[in-house]
């Protein structure tokens, strides 16, 4: 039984969901970004307990195909933004092929569900990744631009400032973390 889970955006989320399932006696579950794969079926009581426990942690088990598609798309976009998955294809073609759905329909469902476009969500994920790279230190902006898939430092800087209100250099010099993983 595969359950799709909303609001899983990072490895920490995977850990929390896995620990939550284990605490309920579902220790053999396989958990990844956006899903829990449970061998067999859950009875009604255990399913309600799991839903309630996940909700307390800020997650939600998805019940509609549209909601599942949005979460699958978000998972792919997160991996793509973090350079965990490479593609030279257009974002629309990549998502359409990966999910086996028409991009226009996916875009409409995504925007209605998230209140922003797929492209905007992807840009926000890329900027969060850039913030992480900046905070880790040790890399030049040119290296960060290359790692994050930007064509140039200027392109990275423009998009970074548009999203954060700061240049990447100002962000680095501030010494403060402005990460928003759980809010994207």
Protein backbone atom coordinates (compact mmCIF):
# COMPACT_ATOMS: atom_id res chain seq x y z
CA UNK A 1 0.00 0.00 0.00
CA UNK A 2 1.49 3.32 -1.05
CA UNK A 3 0.21 6.43 0.68
CA UNK A 4 1.03 9.86 -0.73
CA UNK A 5 1.96 12.41 1.93
CA UNK A 6 1.67 16.18 1.57
CA UNK A 7 4.29 18.66 2.89
CA UNK A 8 7.34 16.40 2.74
CA UNK A 9 10.09 18.68 1.44
CA UNK A 10 13.39 17.38 2.80
CA UNK A 11 15.27 14.45 4.31
CA UNK A 12 14.27 15.59 7.79
CA UNK A 13 10.61 15.22 6.78
CA UNK A 14 11.31 11.67 5.59
CA UNK A 15 12.93 10.91 8.96
CA UNK A 16 9.98 12.34 10.93
CA UNK A 17 7.42 10.40 8.87
CA UNK A 18 9.43 7.18 9.21
CA UNK A 19 9.71 7.66 13.00
CA UNK A 20 5.99 8.46 13.25
CA UNK A 21 5.08 5.27 11.37
CA UNK A 22 7.51 3.21 13.46
CA UNK A 23 6.02 4.60 16.70
CA UNK A 24 2.67 3.19 15.56
CA UNK A 25 4.20 -0.22 14.89
CA UNK A 26 4.65 0.28 11.15
CA UNK A 27 8.41 -0.26 11.28
CA UNK A 28 8.74 -1.98 7.91
CA UNK A 29 7.49 1.04 5.93
CA UNK A 30 9.66 2.46 3.19
CA UNK A 31 9.51 6.27 3.26
CA UNK A 32 10.65 8.78 0.63
CA UNK A 33 9.81 12.32 -0.39
CA UNK A 34 6.04 12.42 -0.62
CA UNK A 35 5.20 8.78 0.12
CA UNK A 36 5.04 5.90 2.59
CA UNK A 37 5.16 2.40 1.11
CA UNK A 38 3.65 -0.03 3.60
CA UNK A 39 3.72 -3.78 2.95
CA UNK A 40 0.17 -5.05 3.09
CA UNK A 41 -2.86 -3.05 4.18
CA UNK A 42 -3.63 -1.01 7.31
CA UNK A 43 -6.82 -1.56 9.24
CA UNK A 44 -9.18 1.38 9.65
CA UNK A 45 -8.10 2.19 13.23
CA UNK A 46 -4.37 2.16 12.42
CA UNK A 47 -4.98 4.30 9.31
CA UNK A 48 -6.82 6.91 11.40
CA UNK A 49 -4.03 6.83 14.01
CA UNK A 50 -1.41 7.31 11.29
CA UNK A 51 -3.35 10.19 9.72
CA UNK A 52 -3.72 11.91 13.11
CA UNK A 53 -0.05 11.40 14.06
CA UNK A 54 1.15 12.73 10.71
CA UNK A 55 -1.20 15.70 10.95
CA UNK A 56 0.30 16.61 14.34
CA UNK A 57 3.70 16.73 12.61
CA UNK A 58 2.37 18.97 9.80
CA UNK A 59 1.80 16.28 7.15
CA UNK A 60 -1.33 15.02 5.45
CA UNK A 61 -2.21 11.77 3.72
CA UNK A 62 -3.56 12.62 0.28
CA UNK A 63 -6.81 11.09 -0.84
CA UNK A 64 -7.34 12.38 -4.38
CA UNK A 65 -5.45 11.61 -7.57
CA UNK A 66 -5.01 15.34 -8.22
CA UNK A 67 -3.43 15.90 -4.81
CA UNK A 68 -1.14 12.93 -5.42
CA UNK A 69 -0.06 14.37 -8.78
CA UNK A 70 0.79 17.70 -7.18
CA UNK A 71 2.91 16.02 -4.49
CA UNK A 72 4.66 13.81 -7.05
CA UNK A 73 5.41 16.90 -9.15
CA UNK A 74 6.75 18.73 -6.09
CA UNK A 75 9.03 15.81 -5.27
CA UNK A 76 10.42 15.77 -8.80
CA UNK A 77 10.88 19.55 -8.76
CA UNK A 78 12.76 19.40 -5.45
CA UNK A 79 15.12 16.74 -6.80
CA UNK A 80 15.59 18.65 -10.02
CA UNK A 81 16.24 21.95 -8.22
CA UNK A 82 18.85 20.28 -6.03
CA UNK A 83 20.60 18.78 -9.05
CA UNK A 84 19.79 15.26 -7.82
CA UNK A 85 18.24 14.62 -11.19
CA UNK A 86 19.58 16.08 -14.41
CA UNK A 87 17.55 16.94 -17.45
CA UNK A 88 18.20 18.98 -20.53
CA UNK A 89 14.53 18.84 -21.48
CA UNK A 90 12.09 21.63 -20.82
CA UNK A 91 10.48 21.47 -17.41
CA UNK A 92 7.05 20.90 -18.96
CA UNK A 93 8.25 17.97 -21.08
CA UNK A 94 10.19 16.46 -18.17
CA UNK A 95 7.22 16.55 -15.77
CA UNK A 96 4.74 15.39 -18.38
CA UNK A 97 6.89 12.38 -19.29
CA UNK A 98 7.86 11.54 -15.69
CA UNK A 99 4.27 11.65 -14.44
CA UNK A 100 2.57 10.40 -17.58
CA UNK A 101 0.09 13.28 -17.68
CA UNK A 102 -0.68 16.22 -19.90
CA UNK A 103 1.33 19.23 -18.72
CA UNK A 104 -1.53 21.69 -19.22
CA UNK A 105 -3.74 19.64 -16.91
CA UNK A 106 -0.92 19.22 -14.36
CA UNK A 107 -0.20 22.95 -14.45
CA UNK A 108 -3.85 23.81 -13.84
CA UNK A 109 -4.16 21.34 -10.94
CA UNK A 110 -0.84 22.46 -9.44
CA UNK A 111 -1.72 26.17 -9.57
CA UNK A 112 -5.18 25.57 -8.07
CA UNK A 113 -3.70 23.48 -5.26
CA UNK A 114 -0.58 25.51 -4.47
CA UNK A 115 -1.61 29.05 -5.38
CA UNK A 116 1.47 29.43 -7.61
CA UNK A 117 2.72 28.05 -10.89
CA UNK A 118 4.96 25.03 -11.30
CA UNK A 119 7.70 27.31 -12.60
CA UNK A 120 7.47 29.60 -9.57
CA UNK A 121 7.63 26.64 -7.19
CA UNK A 122 10.70 25.35 -9.04
CA UNK A 123 12.43 28.74 -8.82
CA UNK A 124 11.71 28.94 -5.08
CA UNK A 125 13.21 25.47 -4.61
CA UNK A 126 16.31 26.46 -6.57
CA UNK A 127 16.76 29.60 -4.48
CA UNK A 128 16.45 27.57 -1.26
CA UNK A 129 19.19 25.28 -2.59
CA UNK A 130 21.36 28.30 -3.43
CA UNK A 131 20.82 29.64 0.11
CA UNK A 132 22.00 26.30 1.46
CA UNK A 133 25.11 26.36 -0.74
CA UNK A 134 25.88 29.92 0.34
CA UNK A 135 25.47 29.07 4.02
CA UNK A 136 27.74 26.04 3.77
CA UNK A 137 30.47 28.37 2.51
CA UNK A 138 33.56 27.41 0.61
CA UNK A 139 32.14 27.96 -2.87
CA UNK A 140 32.28 30.99 -5.09
CA UNK A 141 29.11 32.40 -6.61
CA UNK A 142 30.32 31.14 -9.97
CA UNK A 143 30.58 27.60 -8.59
CA UNK A 144 27.18 27.90 -6.92
CA UNK A 145 25.60 29.15 -10.15
CA UNK A 146 27.05 26.18 -12.03
CA UNK A 147 25.98 23.63 -9.36
CA UNK A 148 22.45 25.05 -9.23
CA UNK A 149 22.11 25.02 -13.02
CA UNK A 150 22.17 28.76 -13.71
CA UNK A 151 23.64 29.96 -16.99
CA UNK A 152 25.58 32.73 -15.26
CA UNK A 153 26.19 34.47 -11.95
CA UNK A 154 24.18 37.42 -13.29
CA UNK A 155 21.14 35.18 -13.92
CA UNK A 156 21.47 33.65 -10.44
CA UNK A 157 21.83 37.09 -8.84
CA UNK A 158 18.78 38.50 -10.64
CA UNK A 159 16.57 35.59 -9.65
CA UNK A 160 17.95 35.48 -6.09
CA UNK A 161 17.27 39.19 -5.56
CA UNK A 162 13.79 38.91 -7.08
CA UNK A 163 12.89 36.14 -4.59
CA UNK A 164 14.74 37.26 -1.44
CA UNK A 165 15.18 41.00 -1.87
CA UNK A 166 18.93 40.53 -1.35
CA UNK A 167 21.83 39.84 -3.64
CA UNK A 168 23.63 36.55 -2.99
CA UNK A 169 26.62 38.51 -1.65
CA UNK A 170 24.42 40.53 0.73
CA UNK A 171 22.80 37.30 1.88
CA UNK A 172 26.20 35.73 2.56
CA UNK A 173 27.50 38.86 4.32
CA UNK A 174 24.44 39.10 6.58
CA UNK A 175 25.46 35.87 8.28
CA UNK A 176 21.81 35.12 9.02
CA UNK A 177 19.86 32.15 7.80
CA UNK A 178 16.69 33.00 5.93
CA UNK A 179 15.86 29.45 4.90
CA UNK A 180 12.20 28.62 4.30
CA UNK A 181 12.10 24.92 3.46
CA UNK A 182 8.92 24.15 5.38
CA UNK A 183 7.13 27.20 3.98
CA UNK A 184 7.61 26.64 0.26
